Amino acid sequence: MKRVVALLCFLTLPLAAQEYKIAVVSMLHAHVWLHLDTMLKGDKVKLVGVSETLPDLIQRAEREDVIPQTQGVTRPGVPAALIFADWKKMIDQTKPDIVWAFTPTNGHLDVVRYCAPKGIHVIMEKPLAATLKEALEIQALARKYNILVLTNYGSTWQANQYAAQAAVEAGEIGPVWRLHAVTGHNGPGDPKTSSFAAWLADPVQNGGGALMDFGCYMVLWSLQMKGMPESVYATAQHMKPQTFPKVEDNAVIILNYKDGVAILEASWDLPPAQRLGNEIYGMKGSIVGNSIRKPGAPASGGRGRGAQQAGDPLAVTPLPPERAEPIAYMVDHIRNKKPLDGASALDLNVSVQEVLEAAKMSVQTGRAIPLPLRK
């Protein structure tokens, strides 16, 4: 009876909400739990299918559950009739306009290969691919079949990211010469007991470890701020070899520019602690987190060389609805036939992949890798 009632609810959604259909391929990437509620609500897209074979993930999808990173907000369960074991059959039967792949990273290409000839747009979780070769094939397929391919980063939908970039572009801190970021946590879990951690700790499925998982965020940010570097140097550490025997759990990526540097630290070894956020240093000031500092600002934290400028808060304004989350953004660009832009631009995400590839090559060789890799 519950299944019938749930299906009736979906069938009675407003027609406007059913204009675009979306299907989910795999739930192995845990970010799916952040977005499932938006799809179930049906005010932007209609959820027509979810493919998965692992019983624990299916059970979690079907039950009412708390949405991660919320104050106890719950979502409804996915109707059992919408769950498929075979993702290709799901796509053929439901004919979605958009497919969101929550597969391991090396599964993104297979999804695009299947969807692109059918004219189906694709969203995948960051990064775009596990290797540069895979990313280039995705790019070629998107161009050939004229589909949108969106690489979803959580940071893309944060208003403070745009505020910092606007301040830089307005020249408020002068030419940017140094970028520094530390991104990570204490690890994705135990690969022996977590299906999510298992593929993240697999060098083929993820393309690496922490370097790929968190390095991609910071590389994307750096390329937006300063463009492609001249070379990449990277080191990787195995702080928890007993937990992550096949991949690095800590990495440092250095992007060398003719007029500056980006120092990017990715880690699965960070204890819970407050961090300042991304640091942007210009010739006339700096932006640290959501604070902008310029010469002559009042100092705090003592006197003399140890004093720090208090800084002023960045002017952060809310993003418009069509830029505030990935589904709304994708629907807006499909409806208005616009190419993806900013952090979501496909060419930019291929460049991110090129830098990550160079970082992995640097780890293997111990040398800085000149760019571009693609001649």
Protein backbone atom coordinates (compact mmCIF):
# COMPACT_ATOMS: atom_id res chain seq x y z
CA MET A 1 0.00 0.00 0.00
CA LYS A 2 2.81 2.43 0.92
CA ARG A 3 4.39 1.80 -2.48
CA VAL A 4 1.11 2.62 -4.28
CA VAL A 5 0.64 5.84 -2.29
CA ALA A 6 4.21 6.92 -3.02
CA LEU A 7 3.77 6.31 -6.73
CA LEU A 8 0.49 8.27 -6.75
CA CYS A 9 2.32 11.20 -5.15
CA PHE A 10 4.86 11.16 -7.97
CA LEU A 11 2.17 10.93 -10.63
CA THR A 12 0.31 13.95 -9.24
CA LEU A 13 3.30 16.31 -9.33
CA PRO A 14 2.69 19.56 -11.24
CA LEU A 15 3.39 19.26 -14.94
CA ALA A 16 6.06 21.97 -14.72
CA ALA A 17 8.00 19.83 -12.28
CA GLN A 18 7.90 16.91 -14.70
CA GLU A 19 9.37 18.82 -17.64
CA TYR A 20 12.79 17.29 -17.06
CA LYS A 21 13.38 13.74 -15.84
CA ILE A 22 16.44 12.65 -13.90
CA ALA A 23 17.85 9.21 -13.12
CA VAL A 24 20.61 8.22 -10.70
CA VAL A 25 23.29 5.72 -11.68
CA SER A 26 24.78 4.04 -8.59
CA MET A 27 24.80 5.23 -4.99
CA LEU A 28 28.39 4.25 -4.24
CA HIS A 29 29.44 7.89 -3.97
CA ALA A 30 28.14 9.09 -0.59
CA HIS A 31 27.37 12.58 -1.95
CA VAL A 32 24.15 11.06 -3.28
CA TRP A 33 22.63 11.42 0.19
CA LEU A 34 23.12 15.19 0.02
CA HIS A 35 21.06 15.54 -3.16
CA LEU A 36 18.45 12.78 -3.11
CA ASP A 37 15.91 14.95 -1.28
CA THR A 38 16.03 17.64 -3.99
CA MET A 39 15.29 15.02 -6.62
CA LEU A 40 12.49 13.47 -4.56
CA LYS A 41 10.77 16.82 -4.03
CA GLY A 42 10.21 17.04 -7.76
CA ASP A 43 9.95 20.83 -8.00
CA LYS A 44 12.88 21.07 -10.45
CA VAL A 45 13.09 17.58 -11.96
CA LYS A 46 11.19 14.33 -11.75
CA LEU A 47 13.11 11.36 -10.35
CA VAL A 48 12.36 8.39 -12.61
CA GLY A 49 14.89 5.82 -11.47
CA VAL A 50 17.78 4.91 -9.20
CA SER A 51 20.13 2.05 -10.08
CA GLU A 52 21.92 0.06 -7.38
CA THR A 53 22.64 -3.55 -6.45
CA LEU A 54 24.14 -3.30 -2.95
CA PRO A 55 21.45 -4.21 -0.38
CA ASP A 56 22.61 -1.76 2.31
CA LEU A 57 22.51 1.18 -0.10
CA ILE A 58 19.10 0.16 -1.45
CA GLN A 59 17.72 -0.13 2.07
CA ARG A 60 19.04 3.30 3.00
CA ALA A 61 17.51 4.82 -0.15
CA GLU A 62 14.10 3.25 0.48
CA ARG A 63 13.76 4.38 4.10
CA GLU A 64 13.11 7.86 5.43
CA ASP A 65 16.49 9.18 6.42
CA VAL A 66 18.24 12.23 7.83
CA ILE A 67 19.96 14.33 5.18
CA PRO A 68 23.69 14.66 6.02
CA GLN A 69 25.03 18.10 6.99
CA THR A 70 21.60 19.31 8.09
CA GLN A 71 20.09 19.92 11.50
CA GLY A 72 18.13 16.67 11.51
CA VAL A 73 16.17 17.38 8.32
CA THR A 74 14.73 14.17 6.88
CA ARG A 75 13.85 13.09 3.37
CA PRO A 76 11.26 10.56 2.21
CA GLY A 77 12.29 7.16 0.98
CA VAL A 78 12.70 6.31 -2.69
CA PRO A 79 9.75 4.16 -3.88
CA ALA A 80 10.89 0.58 -4.46
CA ALA A 81 9.36 0.68 -7.95
CA LEU A 82 11.95 3.30 -8.94
CA ILE A 83 14.96 1.18 -8.02
CA PHE A 84 16.66 -0.78 -10.81
CA ALA A 85 19.48 -3.31 -10.73
CA ASP A 86 20.65 -2.60 -14.30
CA TRP A 87 21.44 1.06 -14.95
CA LYS A 88 21.38 0.73 -18.73
CA LYS A 89 17.92 -0.87 -18.69
CA MET A 90 16.80 1.90 -16.33
CA ILE A 91 17.92 4.55 -18.81
CA ASP A 92 16.31 2.76 -21.75
CA GLN A 93 12.99 2.32 -19.92
CA THR A 94 12.70 5.71 -18.17
CA LYS A 95 14.29 7.89 -20.90
CA PRO A 96 15.66 10.60 -18.59
CA ASP A 97 16.82 14.01 -19.74
CA ILE A 98 19.59 14.04 -17.12
CA VAL A 99 21.60 11.23 -15.54
CA TRP A 100 23.50 11.85 -12.32
CA ALA A 101 26.36 9.39 -11.86
CA PHE A 102 27.31 8.62 -8.26
CA THR A 103 29.68 5.91 -9.44
CA PRO A 104 33.37 5.57 -8.60
CA THR A 105 35.31 8.18 -10.57
CA ASN A 106 36.48 5.77 -13.26
CA GLY A 107 32.83 4.92 -13.96
CA HIS A 108 32.03 8.42 -15.26
CA LEU A 109 33.27 7.65 -18.76
CA ASP A 110 31.07 4.57 -19.14
CA VAL A 111 28.01 6.61 -18.20
CA VAL A 112 28.86 9.35 -20.70
CA ARG A 113 29.57 6.78 -23.40
CA TYR A 114 26.07 5.36 -22.95
CA CYS A 115 24.20 8.64 -22.45
CA ALA A 116 25.84 10.95 -24.99
CA PRO A 117 24.59 9.22 -28.18
CA LYS A 118 21.08 9.33 -26.68
CA GLY A 119 21.29 13.07 -26.08
CA ILE A 120 21.15 12.67 -22.31
CA HIS A 121 22.96 15.29 -20.21
CA VAL A 122 25.21 14.01 -17.42
CA ILE A 123 26.16 15.18 -13.93
CA MET A 124 28.95 13.48 -12.03
CA GLU A 125 30.65 14.09 -8.71
CA LYS A 126 34.06 15.71 -8.73
CA PRO A 127 36.54 15.22 -10.31
CA LEU A 128 35.55 14.77 -13.95
CA ALA A 129 37.45 11.50 -14.39
CA ALA A 130 40.09 9.24 -12.89
CA THR A 131 42.65 10.02 -15.61
CA LEU A 132 43.31 12.70 -18.20
CA LYS A 133 42.72 10.19 -20.99
CA GLU A 134 39.21 9.49 -19.66
CA ALA A 135 38.51 13.22 -19.26
CA LEU A 136 39.52 13.92 -22.86
CA GLU A 137 37.17 11.21 -24.16
CA ILE A 138 34.32 12.64 -22.08
CA GLN A 139 35.05 16.07 -23.53
CA ALA A 140 35.05 14.68 -27.09
CA LEU A 141 31.74 12.86 -26.56
CA ALA A 142 30.09 15.94 -25.09
CA ARG A 143 31.15 18.00 -28.10
CA LYS A 144 30.17 15.36 -30.65
CA TYR A 145 26.67 14.80 -29.27
CA ASN A 146 26.09 18.33 -27.95
CA ILE A 147 25.31 17.36 -24.37
CA LEU A 148 26.10 19.15 -21.13
CA VAL A 149 28.49 17.41 -18.72
CA LEU A 150 28.53 18.97 -15.26
CA THR A 151 31.22 18.11 -12.71
CA ASN A 152 29.65 18.77 -9.33
CA TYR A 153 31.79 20.40 -6.64
CA GLY A 154 30.11 21.42 -3.40
CA SER A 155 32.19 24.60 -3.41
CA THR A 156 30.58 25.73 -6.68
CA TRP A 157 27.35 26.56 -4.88
CA GLN A 158 28.92 28.62 -2.08
CA ALA A 159 28.40 32.37 -2.37
CA ASN A 160 31.66 33.25 -0.61
CA GLN A 161 33.64 31.65 -3.46
CA TYR A 162 32.13 34.16 -5.88
CA ALA A 163 32.68 37.05 -3.47
CA ALA A 164 36.39 36.28 -3.20
CA GLN A 165 36.79 35.96 -6.95
CA ALA A 166 34.87 39.20 -7.54
CA ALA A 167 37.18 41.04 -5.14
CA VAL A 168 40.23 39.68 -6.95
CA GLU A 169 38.85 40.56 -10.38
CA ALA A 170 38.05 44.08 -9.14
CA GLY A 171 41.71 44.51 -8.21
CA GLU A 172 41.02 45.01 -4.51
CA ILE A 173 44.18 43.14 -3.44
CA GLY A 174 46.27 43.78 -6.53
CA PRO A 175 47.80 41.06 -8.72
CA VAL A 176 47.54 37.66 -7.03
CA TRP A 177 50.92 36.02 -6.53
CA ARG A 178 50.36 33.36 -3.85
CA LEU A 179 47.56 30.88 -3.18
CA HIS A 180 47.46 28.49 -0.25
CA ALA A 181 44.80 25.98 0.75
CA VAL A 182 44.43 23.03 3.11
CA THR A 183 41.50 20.74 2.36
CA GLY A 184 40.62 17.43 3.95
CA HIS A 185 39.38 15.51 6.96
CA ASN A 186 40.35 12.47 9.01
CA GLY A 187 39.63 10.03 6.20
CA PRO A 188 36.66 8.57 4.31
CA GLY A 189 36.37 5.49 6.54
CA ASP A 190 37.73 1.97 6.59
CA PRO A 191 37.91 0.41 3.11
CA LYS A 192 37.33 -3.01 4.71
CA THR A 193 33.90 -2.03 6.03
CA SER A 194 32.74 0.91 3.88
CA SER A 195 31.80 0.57 0.21
CA PHE A 196 32.43 4.31 -0.18
CA ALA A 197 35.92 4.19 1.31
CA ALA A 198 36.72 0.99 -0.62
CA TRP A 199 36.61 2.60 -4.05
CA LEU A 200 38.11 5.89 -2.83
CA ALA A 201 41.12 3.91 -1.63
CA ASP A 202 41.48 2.12 -4.97
CA PRO A 203 44.03 3.74 -7.32
CA VAL A 204 42.14 2.64 -10.43
CA GLN A 205 38.60 3.52 -9.39
CA ASN A 206 39.53 6.86 -7.80
CA GLY A 207 42.65 7.59 -9.83
CA GLY A 208 44.56 8.04 -6.56
CA GLY A 209 43.78 8.80 -2.93
CA ALA A 210 43.64 12.11 -1.09
CA LEU A 211 45.45 13.82 -3.97
CA MET A 212 42.43 13.19 -6.21
CA ASP A 213 39.74 13.40 -3.55
CA PHE A 214 40.66 16.83 -2.19
CA GLY A 215 43.34 18.03 -4.58
CA CYS A 216 40.73 18.53 -7.28
CA TYR A 217 38.90 21.20 -5.23
CA MET A 218 42.02 23.26 -4.77
CA VAL A 219 43.30 22.84 -8.32
CA LEU A 220 39.93 24.04 -9.66
CA TRP A 221 40.10 27.06 -7.34
CA SER A 222 43.68 27.84 -8.37
CA LEU A 223 42.92 27.66 -12.08
CA GLN A 224 40.00 30.02 -11.62
CA MET A 225 42.23 32.47 -9.76
CA LYS A 226 45.41 32.31 -11.87
CA GLY A 227 44.88 30.02 -14.85
CA MET A 228 47.14 27.13 -15.85
CA PRO A 229 50.58 26.98 -14.21
CA GLU A 230 53.86 26.45 -16.03
CA SER A 231 54.69 23.29 -14.07
CA VAL A 232 53.46 21.06 -11.24
CA TYR A 233 55.46 19.50 -8.41
CA ALA A 234 53.83 17.15 -5.91
CA THR A 235 54.70 14.87 -3.03
CA ALA A 236 52.59 12.15 -1.41
CA GLN A 237 52.73 10.54 2.01
CA HIS A 238 51.36 7.30 3.43
CA MET A 239 50.60 8.21 7.04
CA LYS A 240 48.09 5.35 7.46
CA PRO A 241 49.49 2.49 5.37
CA GLN A 242 47.55 -0.05 7.40
CA THR A 243 44.27 1.62 6.38
CA PHE A 244 45.17 2.89 2.92
CA PRO A 245 47.86 0.53 1.60
CA LYS A 246 47.32 1.32 -2.10
CA VAL A 247 46.93 5.11 -2.19
CA GLU A 248 48.33 8.24 -0.56
CA ASP A 249 46.42 9.71 2.37
CA ASN A 250 48.27 13.02 2.27
CA ALA A 251 49.61 15.06 -0.65
CA VAL A 252 51.06 18.47 -1.37
CA ILE A 253 50.64 19.95 -4.86
CA ILE A 254 52.66 22.99 -5.89
CA LEU A 255 51.62 24.92 -8.98
CA ASN A 256 54.46 27.04 -10.32
CA TYR A 257 53.51 30.23 -12.16
CA LYS A 258 55.78 32.74 -13.88
CA ASP A 259 54.52 35.33 -11.39
CA GLY A 260 53.52 33.28 -8.37
CA VAL A 261 52.79 29.96 -6.73
CA ALA A 262 49.90 27.87 -5.39
CA ILE A 263 50.57 25.55 -2.45
CA LEU A 264 47.76 23.02 -2.06
CA GLU A 265 47.57 20.48 0.77
CA ALA A 266 45.15 17.54 0.53
CA SER A 267 44.76 15.19 3.46
CA TRP A 268 42.87 12.29 4.97
CA ASP A 269 44.86 12.75 8.20
CA LEU A 270 43.50 15.98 9.67
CA PRO A 271 42.09 15.93 13.22
CA PRO A 272 38.97 18.01 13.91
CA ALA A 273 40.28 21.57 14.06
CA GLN A 274 39.37 25.03 12.89
CA ARG A 275 41.18 26.13 9.74
CA LEU A 276 41.33 29.61 8.30
CA GLY A 277 40.12 28.65 4.85
CA ASN A 278 41.69 29.37 1.48
CA GLU A 279 44.32 32.12 1.43
CA ILE A 280 44.77 34.52 -1.49
CA TYR A 281 47.70 36.91 -1.39
CA GLY A 282 47.96 39.89 -3.72
CA MET A 283 50.50 42.68 -3.98
CA LYS A 284 48.12 45.09 -2.20
CA GLY A 285 46.33 42.87 0.29
CA SER A 286 45.01 39.40 1.02
CA ILE A 287 41.82 37.40 1.35
CA VAL A 288 41.76 34.70 4.02
CA GLY A 289 38.51 32.80 4.30
CA ASN A 290 35.78 35.45 4.22
CA SER A 291 38.02 38.28 5.37
CA ILE A 292 39.83 40.82 3.19
CA ARG A 293 42.89 42.57 4.54
CA LYS A 294 44.66 45.62 3.15
CA PRO A 295 47.65 47.69 4.31
CA GLY A 296 46.70 50.24 6.94
CA ALA A 297 43.84 48.21 8.40
CA PRO A 298 43.63 48.08 12.23
CA ALA A 299 45.79 45.37 13.80
CA SER A 300 44.69 42.73 16.27
CA GLY A 301 46.52 40.03 18.21
CA GLY A 302 49.22 42.23 19.78
CA ARG A 303 51.77 44.69 18.50
CA GLY A 304 54.88 44.57 16.41
CA ARG A 305 55.75 41.89 13.91
CA GLY A 306 53.40 39.36 15.52
CA ALA A 307 50.34 41.57 15.06
CA GLN A 308 47.70 40.55 12.54
CA GLN A 309 45.32 42.76 10.62
CA ALA A 310 41.74 42.28 11.68
CA GLY A 311 40.46 42.67 8.15
CA ASP A 312 37.00 43.46 6.84
CA PRO A 313 34.36 40.91 5.89
CA LEU A 314 33.92 40.18 2.21
CA ALA A 315 30.69 41.43 0.70
CA VAL A 316 28.91 38.09 0.23
CA THR A 317 25.52 38.18 -1.48
CA PRO A 318 23.23 35.15 -1.91
CA LEU A 319 23.45 33.36 -5.24
CA PRO A 320 20.42 33.49 -7.55
CA PRO A 321 18.28 30.31 -7.40
CA GLU A 322 19.57 29.00 -10.72
CA ARG A 323 23.14 29.11 -9.40
CA ALA A 324 22.52 27.96 -5.85
CA GLU A 325 22.56 24.20 -6.44
CA PRO A 326 23.47 21.78 -9.25
CA ILE A 327 20.05 20.59 -10.40
CA ALA A 328 18.63 24.10 -10.73
CA TYR A 329 21.79 25.17 -12.56
CA MET A 330 21.65 22.23 -14.98
CA VAL A 331 17.94 22.68 -15.72
CA ASP A 332 18.43 26.41 -16.34
CA HIS A 333 21.22 25.76 -18.83
CA ILE A 334 19.35 22.98 -20.63
CA ARG A 335 16.16 25.04 -20.87
CA ASN A 336 17.97 28.15 -22.10
CA LYS A 337 20.47 26.25 -24.27
CA LYS A 338 23.44 27.81 -22.50
CA PRO A 339 26.91 26.24 -22.15
CA LEU A 340 28.09 25.49 -18.63
CA ASP A 341 30.28 28.27 -17.29
CA GLY A 342 32.55 29.21 -14.39
CA ALA A 343 33.61 26.31 -12.19
CA SER A 344 31.25 24.03 -14.14
CA ALA A 345 32.74 24.63 -17.59
CA LEU A 346 33.81 21.34 -19.14
CA ASP A 347 37.05 22.66 -20.63
CA LEU A 348 38.10 24.01 -17.21
CA ASN A 349 37.44 20.63 -15.62
CA VAL A 350 39.56 18.92 -18.27
CA SER A 351 42.35 21.35 -17.34
CA VAL A 352 41.90 20.39 -13.68
CA GLN A 353 42.41 16.79 -14.77
CA GLU A 354 45.56 17.73 -16.63
CA VAL A 355 47.05 19.32 -13.51
CA LEU A 356 46.09 16.31 -11.37
CA GLU A 357 47.70 14.01 -13.94
CA ALA A 358 50.89 16.09 -13.80
CA ALA A 359 50.79 15.91 -9.99
CA LYS A 360 50.62 12.11 -10.09
CA MET A 361 53.49 12.03 -12.58
CA SER A 362 55.52 14.28 -10.28
CA VAL A 363 54.93 11.97 -7.31
CA GLN A 364 56.16 9.03 -9.38
CA THR A 365 59.24 10.75 -10.81
CA GLY A 366 60.20 13.16 -8.02
CA ARG A 367 60.44 15.97 -10.56
CA ALA A 368 58.40 19.02 -11.53
CA ILE A 369 56.27 18.27 -14.61
CA PRO A 370 56.08 20.99 -17.28
CA LEU A 371 52.68 21.91 -18.71
CA PRO A 372 50.88 21.51 -20.97
CA LEU A 373 50.81 17.72 -21.13
CA ARG A 374 48.59 17.95 -24.18
CA LYS A 375 50.60 19.13 -27.20
